[in-house]
N, C-alpha and C. Protein backbone atom coordinates (compact mmCIF):
# COMPACT_ATOMS: atom_id res chain seq x y z
N MET A 1 -35.04 12.85 -11.44
CA MET A 1 -34.86 14.21 -10.98
C MET A 1 -34.03 14.26 -9.70
N ARG A 2 -34.34 13.35 -8.74
CA ARG A 2 -33.58 13.33 -7.49
C ARG A 2 -32.12 13.01 -7.74
N LEU A 3 -31.86 12.09 -8.66
CA LEU A 3 -30.50 11.71 -8.97
C LEU A 3 -29.72 12.90 -9.50
N LEU A 4 -30.32 13.69 -10.37
CA LEU A 4 -29.68 14.87 -10.92
C LEU A 4 -29.36 15.87 -9.83
N ILE A 5 -30.28 16.10 -8.90
CA ILE A 5 -30.04 17.05 -7.81
C ILE A 5 -28.91 16.57 -6.92
N ILE A 6 -28.89 15.28 -6.60
CA ILE A 6 -27.81 14.72 -5.76
C ILE A 6 -26.48 14.86 -6.49
N ALA A 7 -26.44 14.57 -7.79
CA ALA A 7 -25.20 14.70 -8.56
C ALA A 7 -24.74 16.15 -8.58
N MET A 8 -25.66 17.10 -8.73
CA MET A 8 -25.29 18.51 -8.75
C MET A 8 -24.79 18.96 -7.38
N LEU A 9 -25.39 18.45 -6.30
CA LEU A 9 -24.91 18.78 -4.96
C LEU A 9 -23.49 18.26 -4.76
N GLY A 10 -23.23 17.07 -5.27
CA GLY A 10 -21.88 16.51 -5.16
C GLY A 10 -20.86 17.36 -5.89
N LEU A 11 -21.22 17.88 -7.05
CA LEU A 11 -20.31 18.75 -7.79
C LEU A 11 -20.12 20.09 -7.09
N ALA A 12 -21.18 20.62 -6.51
CA ALA A 12 -21.10 21.93 -5.86
C ALA A 12 -20.27 21.87 -4.58
N THR A 13 -20.38 20.79 -3.83
CA THR A 13 -19.65 20.70 -2.57
C THR A 13 -18.25 20.16 -2.76
N GLY A 14 -17.97 19.60 -3.92
CA GLY A 14 -16.66 19.01 -4.16
C GLY A 14 -16.63 17.58 -3.63
N SER A 15 -15.81 16.76 -4.22
CA SER A 15 -15.74 15.38 -3.76
C SER A 15 -14.67 15.25 -2.69
N VAL A 16 -14.90 14.36 -1.76
CA VAL A 16 -13.94 14.10 -0.70
C VAL A 16 -12.96 13.06 -1.21
N GLN A 17 -11.67 13.38 -1.16
CA GLN A 17 -10.66 12.42 -1.57
C GLN A 17 -10.35 11.51 -0.40
N ALA A 18 -10.20 10.25 -0.71
CA ALA A 18 -9.91 9.28 0.34
C ALA A 18 -8.77 8.37 -0.09
N SER A 19 -7.95 8.04 0.86
CA SER A 19 -6.90 7.05 0.64
C SER A 19 -7.01 6.03 1.76
N GLU A 20 -6.32 4.92 1.57
CA GLU A 20 -6.30 3.89 2.60
C GLU A 20 -4.88 3.68 3.08
N ILE A 21 -4.71 3.55 4.38
CA ILE A 21 -3.43 3.18 4.95
C ILE A 21 -3.50 1.71 5.32
N TYR A 22 -2.58 0.94 4.78
CA TYR A 22 -2.50 -0.49 5.05
C TYR A 22 -1.35 -0.74 6.01
N ARG A 23 -1.58 -1.61 7.00
CA ARG A 23 -0.55 -2.03 7.94
C ARG A 23 -0.54 -3.55 7.95
N CYS A 24 0.62 -4.13 7.65
CA CYS A 24 0.74 -5.58 7.52
C CYS A 24 1.91 -6.07 8.37
N ALA A 25 1.80 -7.32 8.84
CA ALA A 25 2.87 -7.95 9.60
C ALA A 25 2.73 -9.46 9.48
N ASP A 26 3.84 -10.15 9.69
CA ASP A 26 3.79 -11.61 9.73
C ASP A 26 3.46 -12.06 11.15
N THR A 27 3.10 -13.31 11.31
CA THR A 27 2.70 -13.80 12.64
C THR A 27 3.88 -14.00 13.58
N GLU A 28 5.10 -14.05 13.06
CA GLU A 28 6.30 -14.25 13.88
C GLU A 28 6.90 -12.92 14.34
N GLY A 29 6.37 -11.80 13.86
CA GLY A 29 6.90 -10.49 14.24
C GLY A 29 8.24 -10.15 13.60
N GLU A 30 8.53 -10.75 12.45
CA GLU A 30 9.80 -10.50 11.78
C GLU A 30 9.76 -9.31 10.83
N ILE A 31 8.59 -9.01 10.27
CA ILE A 31 8.51 -7.95 9.26
C ILE A 31 7.22 -7.14 9.46
N ALA A 32 7.34 -5.85 9.20
CA ALA A 32 6.17 -4.95 9.20
C ALA A 32 6.20 -4.16 7.90
N LEU A 33 5.05 -4.03 7.28
CA LEU A 33 4.89 -3.29 6.03
C LEU A 33 3.74 -2.32 6.21
N ALA A 34 3.91 -1.09 5.77
CA ALA A 34 2.84 -0.10 5.81
C ALA A 34 2.92 0.73 4.53
N PHE A 35 1.75 1.13 4.03
CA PHE A 35 1.74 2.00 2.86
C PHE A 35 0.41 2.73 2.78
N GLU A 36 0.44 3.87 2.07
CA GLU A 36 -0.78 4.63 1.82
C GLU A 36 -1.09 4.54 0.34
N TYR A 37 -2.35 4.20 0.03
CA TYR A 37 -2.76 4.01 -1.35
C TYR A 37 -4.00 4.83 -1.65
N ASP A 38 -3.96 5.55 -2.77
CA ASP A 38 -5.10 6.35 -3.23
C ASP A 38 -5.31 6.04 -4.72
N ALA A 39 -6.36 5.28 -5.01
CA ALA A 39 -6.62 4.84 -6.39
C ALA A 39 -6.83 6.01 -7.34
N GLY A 40 -7.29 7.16 -6.84
CA GLY A 40 -7.57 8.31 -7.70
C GLY A 40 -6.37 9.20 -7.97
N ALA A 41 -5.25 8.92 -7.34
CA ALA A 41 -4.07 9.78 -7.48
C ALA A 41 -3.24 9.37 -8.70
N VAL A 42 -2.51 10.33 -9.24
CA VAL A 42 -1.62 10.05 -10.37
C VAL A 42 -0.57 9.03 -9.95
N GLU A 43 0.03 9.22 -8.80
CA GLU A 43 0.95 8.25 -8.18
C GLU A 43 0.21 7.65 -7.00
N PRO A 44 -0.42 6.48 -7.16
CA PRO A 44 -1.33 5.97 -6.14
C PRO A 44 -0.69 5.61 -4.80
N PHE A 45 0.60 5.29 -4.76
CA PHE A 45 1.27 5.00 -3.49
C PHE A 45 1.92 6.27 -2.98
N ALA A 46 1.35 6.86 -1.92
CA ALA A 46 1.91 8.08 -1.34
C ALA A 46 3.25 7.78 -0.67
N TRP A 47 3.35 6.63 -0.01
CA TRP A 47 4.58 6.18 0.63
C TRP A 47 4.47 4.69 0.92
N VAL A 48 5.63 4.07 1.05
CA VAL A 48 5.72 2.65 1.42
C VAL A 48 6.86 2.53 2.42
N GLU A 49 6.63 1.79 3.51
CA GLU A 49 7.67 1.54 4.50
C GLU A 49 7.68 0.07 4.87
N MET A 50 8.88 -0.49 5.05
CA MET A 50 9.05 -1.87 5.48
C MET A 50 10.15 -1.88 6.53
N GLN A 51 9.95 -2.67 7.58
CA GLN A 51 10.96 -2.81 8.61
C GLN A 51 11.11 -4.27 8.99
N LEU A 52 12.35 -4.76 8.90
CA LEU A 52 12.66 -6.09 9.41
C LEU A 52 13.08 -5.91 10.86
N THR A 53 12.48 -6.65 11.78
CA THR A 53 12.76 -6.51 13.20
C THR A 53 14.25 -6.76 13.47
N GLY A 54 14.89 -5.79 14.12
CA GLY A 54 16.31 -5.91 14.45
C GLY A 54 17.23 -5.86 13.26
N ASP A 55 16.75 -5.39 12.13
CA ASP A 55 17.55 -5.37 10.91
C ASP A 55 17.24 -4.09 10.13
N PHE A 56 17.40 -4.12 8.84
CA PHE A 56 17.23 -2.92 8.02
C PHE A 56 15.77 -2.66 7.66
N GLY A 57 15.53 -1.46 7.16
CA GLY A 57 14.21 -1.06 6.70
C GLY A 57 14.31 -0.39 5.35
N ILE A 58 13.15 -0.16 4.74
CA ILE A 58 13.05 0.48 3.43
C ILE A 58 11.93 1.51 3.52
N SER A 59 12.12 2.67 2.90
CA SER A 59 11.08 3.68 2.85
C SER A 59 11.18 4.48 1.57
N THR A 60 10.02 4.86 1.03
CA THR A 60 9.99 5.74 -0.14
C THR A 60 9.85 7.21 0.27
N ASP A 61 9.76 7.47 1.56
CA ASP A 61 9.61 8.83 2.08
C ASP A 61 11.00 9.44 2.28
N PRO A 62 11.35 10.49 1.53
CA PRO A 62 12.69 11.09 1.64
C PRO A 62 13.03 11.60 3.05
N THR A 63 12.04 11.85 3.89
CA THR A 63 12.33 12.33 5.25
C THR A 63 12.50 11.19 6.25
N HIS A 64 12.26 9.95 5.84
CA HIS A 64 12.35 8.80 6.73
C HIS A 64 13.80 8.34 6.87
N ARG A 65 14.18 7.86 8.05
CA ARG A 65 15.56 7.43 8.30
C ARG A 65 15.98 6.24 7.43
N ASN A 66 15.04 5.45 6.93
CA ASN A 66 15.36 4.29 6.11
C ASN A 66 15.34 4.59 4.61
N PHE A 67 15.21 5.84 4.23
CA PHE A 67 15.16 6.19 2.81
C PHE A 67 16.56 6.18 2.22
N ASP A 68 16.74 5.37 1.16
CA ASP A 68 18.00 5.31 0.43
C ASP A 68 17.77 5.52 -1.06
N GLY A 69 16.69 6.21 -1.40
CA GLY A 69 16.38 6.47 -2.80
C GLY A 69 15.33 5.53 -3.37
N GLU A 70 14.71 4.69 -2.54
CA GLU A 70 13.71 3.75 -3.03
C GLU A 70 12.50 4.49 -3.61
N PHE A 71 11.92 3.89 -4.64
CA PHE A 71 10.72 4.44 -5.26
C PHE A 71 9.86 3.28 -5.77
N VAL A 72 8.57 3.53 -5.95
CA VAL A 72 7.66 2.53 -6.50
C VAL A 72 7.88 2.52 -8.01
N SER A 73 8.45 1.42 -8.50
CA SER A 73 8.75 1.33 -9.93
C SER A 73 7.57 0.79 -10.73
N ASP A 74 6.79 -0.08 -10.12
CA ASP A 74 5.60 -0.65 -10.75
C ASP A 74 4.56 -0.87 -9.68
N HIS A 75 3.30 -0.72 -10.07
CA HIS A 75 2.22 -1.06 -9.13
C HIS A 75 1.16 -1.86 -9.87
N TYR A 76 0.48 -2.70 -9.09
CA TYR A 76 -0.49 -3.64 -9.63
C TYR A 76 -1.77 -3.52 -8.82
N VAL A 77 -2.88 -3.36 -9.53
CA VAL A 77 -4.17 -3.21 -8.85
C VAL A 77 -5.22 -3.97 -9.63
N GLY A 78 -6.04 -4.69 -8.91
CA GLY A 78 -7.17 -5.40 -9.49
C GLY A 78 -8.36 -5.26 -8.56
N GLU A 79 -9.41 -5.97 -8.86
CA GLU A 79 -10.61 -5.86 -8.05
C GLU A 79 -10.36 -6.25 -6.59
N ASP A 80 -9.54 -7.27 -6.36
CA ASP A 80 -9.31 -7.75 -5.00
C ASP A 80 -7.84 -7.86 -4.64
N PHE A 81 -6.95 -7.18 -5.37
CA PHE A 81 -5.54 -7.24 -5.02
C PHE A 81 -4.85 -5.92 -5.29
N ILE A 82 -3.71 -5.74 -4.62
CA ILE A 82 -2.90 -4.54 -4.77
C ILE A 82 -1.44 -4.95 -4.54
N GLY A 83 -0.54 -4.32 -5.24
CA GLY A 83 0.86 -4.66 -5.04
C GLY A 83 1.78 -3.65 -5.67
N ALA A 84 3.07 -3.78 -5.37
CA ALA A 84 4.05 -2.86 -5.92
C ALA A 84 5.43 -3.49 -5.89
N ASP A 85 6.30 -2.95 -6.75
CA ASP A 85 7.72 -3.26 -6.75
C ASP A 85 8.45 -1.97 -6.40
N LEU A 86 9.46 -2.06 -5.56
CA LEU A 86 10.29 -0.91 -5.21
C LEU A 86 11.70 -1.13 -5.71
N LYS A 87 12.29 -0.08 -6.24
CA LYS A 87 13.68 -0.12 -6.72
C LYS A 87 14.44 1.07 -6.16
N VAL A 88 15.75 0.99 -6.27
CA VAL A 88 16.61 2.12 -5.93
C VAL A 88 17.10 2.80 -7.20
N HIS A 89 17.31 2.01 -8.26
CA HIS A 89 17.73 2.53 -9.56
C HIS A 89 16.76 2.00 -10.62
N VAL A 90 16.53 2.79 -11.64
CA VAL A 90 15.56 2.44 -12.67
C VAL A 90 15.85 1.09 -13.30
N ASN A 91 17.10 0.80 -13.61
CA ASN A 91 17.44 -0.44 -14.32
C ASN A 91 17.87 -1.56 -13.38
N SER A 92 17.61 -1.43 -12.09
CA SER A 92 18.02 -2.47 -11.14
C SER A 92 16.87 -3.44 -10.87
N LEU A 93 17.21 -4.52 -10.20
CA LEU A 93 16.19 -5.46 -9.74
C LEU A 93 15.42 -4.83 -8.58
N PRO A 94 14.18 -5.26 -8.34
CA PRO A 94 13.44 -4.71 -7.21
C PRO A 94 14.13 -5.02 -5.87
N VAL A 95 14.14 -4.05 -4.96
CA VAL A 95 14.66 -4.28 -3.61
C VAL A 95 13.56 -4.84 -2.72
N MET A 96 12.30 -4.67 -3.15
CA MET A 96 11.17 -5.21 -2.41
C MET A 96 9.97 -5.34 -3.34
N GLN A 97 9.17 -6.38 -3.10
CA GLN A 97 7.93 -6.59 -3.83
C GLN A 97 6.87 -7.01 -2.83
N PHE A 98 5.64 -6.59 -3.06
CA PHE A 98 4.55 -7.10 -2.23
C PHE A 98 3.27 -7.20 -3.05
N ARG A 99 2.45 -8.17 -2.67
CA ARG A 99 1.13 -8.37 -3.26
C ARG A 99 0.18 -8.68 -2.12
N ILE A 100 -0.91 -7.95 -2.04
CA ILE A 100 -1.92 -8.12 -1.00
C ILE A 100 -3.25 -8.45 -1.67
N VAL A 101 -3.95 -9.46 -1.16
CA VAL A 101 -5.27 -9.82 -1.68
C VAL A 101 -6.32 -9.65 -0.59
N ARG A 102 -7.53 -9.34 -1.03
CA ARG A 102 -8.65 -9.15 -0.10
C ARG A 102 -9.71 -10.20 -0.43
N VAL A 103 -10.09 -10.98 0.58
CA VAL A 103 -11.10 -12.02 0.43
C VAL A 103 -12.19 -11.76 1.45
N SER A 104 -13.45 -11.85 1.03
CA SER A 104 -14.54 -11.61 1.98
C SER A 104 -15.66 -12.62 1.79
N GLU A 105 -16.37 -12.85 2.87
CA GLU A 105 -17.54 -13.72 2.87
C GLU A 105 -18.50 -13.13 3.88
N GLY A 106 -19.60 -12.57 3.39
CA GLY A 106 -20.56 -11.92 4.29
C GLY A 106 -19.91 -10.74 5.00
N ALA A 107 -19.97 -10.72 6.30
CA ALA A 107 -19.39 -9.63 7.10
C ALA A 107 -17.92 -9.87 7.44
N HIS A 108 -17.35 -10.97 6.97
CA HIS A 108 -15.96 -11.32 7.30
C HIS A 108 -15.03 -10.95 6.15
N GLU A 109 -13.87 -10.43 6.50
CA GLU A 109 -12.90 -10.04 5.49
C GLU A 109 -11.50 -10.41 5.95
N LEU A 110 -10.66 -10.81 5.02
CA LEU A 110 -9.27 -11.12 5.30
C LEU A 110 -8.42 -10.45 4.24
N MET A 111 -7.38 -9.76 4.67
CA MET A 111 -6.39 -9.22 3.75
C MET A 111 -5.07 -9.89 4.10
N THR A 112 -4.49 -10.54 3.10
CA THR A 112 -3.26 -11.28 3.32
C THR A 112 -2.43 -11.20 2.06
N GLY A 113 -1.17 -11.55 2.18
CA GLY A 113 -0.33 -11.51 0.99
C GLY A 113 1.09 -11.89 1.28
N GLY A 114 1.96 -11.52 0.37
CA GLY A 114 3.37 -11.84 0.49
C GLY A 114 4.24 -10.62 0.29
N VAL A 115 5.38 -10.62 0.98
CA VAL A 115 6.38 -9.55 0.85
C VAL A 115 7.72 -10.22 0.59
N GLY A 116 8.39 -9.80 -0.47
CA GLY A 116 9.72 -10.28 -0.78
C GLY A 116 10.71 -9.13 -0.68
N VAL A 117 11.78 -9.35 0.08
CA VAL A 117 12.79 -8.31 0.29
C VAL A 117 14.14 -8.84 -0.19
N GLY A 118 14.75 -8.10 -1.11
CA GLY A 118 16.06 -8.49 -1.61
C GLY A 118 17.07 -8.60 -0.48
N GLY A 119 17.73 -9.74 -0.37
CA GLY A 119 18.70 -9.96 0.69
C GLY A 119 18.08 -10.27 2.04
N GLY A 120 16.76 -10.34 2.10
CA GLY A 120 16.09 -10.59 3.37
C GLY A 120 15.27 -11.85 3.40
N GLY A 121 14.48 -12.10 2.36
CA GLY A 121 13.64 -13.28 2.31
C GLY A 121 12.24 -12.98 1.84
N VAL A 122 11.35 -13.92 2.10
CA VAL A 122 9.95 -13.82 1.70
C VAL A 122 9.09 -14.13 2.92
N TRP A 123 8.03 -13.33 3.12
CA TRP A 123 7.14 -13.50 4.26
C TRP A 123 5.70 -13.47 3.82
N SER A 124 4.88 -14.20 4.55
CA SER A 124 3.43 -14.13 4.42
C SER A 124 2.94 -13.16 5.48
N VAL A 125 2.08 -12.22 5.10
CA VAL A 125 1.61 -11.20 6.05
C VAL A 125 0.10 -11.13 6.09
N ILE A 126 -0.41 -10.62 7.19
CA ILE A 126 -1.83 -10.33 7.37
C ILE A 126 -1.95 -8.82 7.53
N CYS A 127 -2.95 -8.22 6.90
CA CYS A 127 -3.05 -6.76 6.85
C CYS A 127 -4.38 -6.25 7.40
N GLN A 128 -4.35 -5.00 7.79
CA GLN A 128 -5.55 -4.23 8.13
C GLN A 128 -5.43 -2.91 7.39
N SER A 129 -6.58 -2.29 7.12
CA SER A 129 -6.54 -0.98 6.46
C SER A 129 -7.50 -0.03 7.13
N GLU A 130 -7.20 1.24 7.00
CA GLU A 130 -8.08 2.27 7.53
C GLU A 130 -8.21 3.36 6.49
N LEU A 131 -9.43 3.85 6.31
CA LEU A 131 -9.73 4.89 5.35
C LEU A 131 -9.29 6.25 5.89
N GLN A 132 -8.61 7.03 5.07
CA GLN A 132 -8.19 8.38 5.42
C GLN A 132 -8.92 9.36 4.50
N THR A 133 -9.56 10.38 5.05
CA THR A 133 -10.19 11.40 4.22
C THR A 133 -9.37 12.66 4.28
N GLN A 134 -9.35 13.37 3.17
CA GLN A 134 -8.52 14.58 3.08
C GLN A 134 -9.37 15.77 2.75
């Protein structure tokens, strides 16, 4: 009975939508990656941004100075990983790829992964995330 009442209260008040903002960087300070991800959204990546220090950047946000038409062409999600490929044209090779994994033991957690940038290279990154409610 209590479960039914709690479920009905949840329906009456509406559910709170939440997304996570991930911020990643390598230990040498050469690359920064940030993105917003919402598993419940039709397009789960709201935006993706990458910046190479002292060099070029990539963004899927049309209002961002580094936007050149990039879009998330594919995304990958599992129990402990998330990733995406970005392209500029549908039939082109990816201009950027990233895969992030989450590993935990007790109260400790690590998010790490790799970022590959066409014409730039490949980096290992460490990430943090923060929950956003809407």
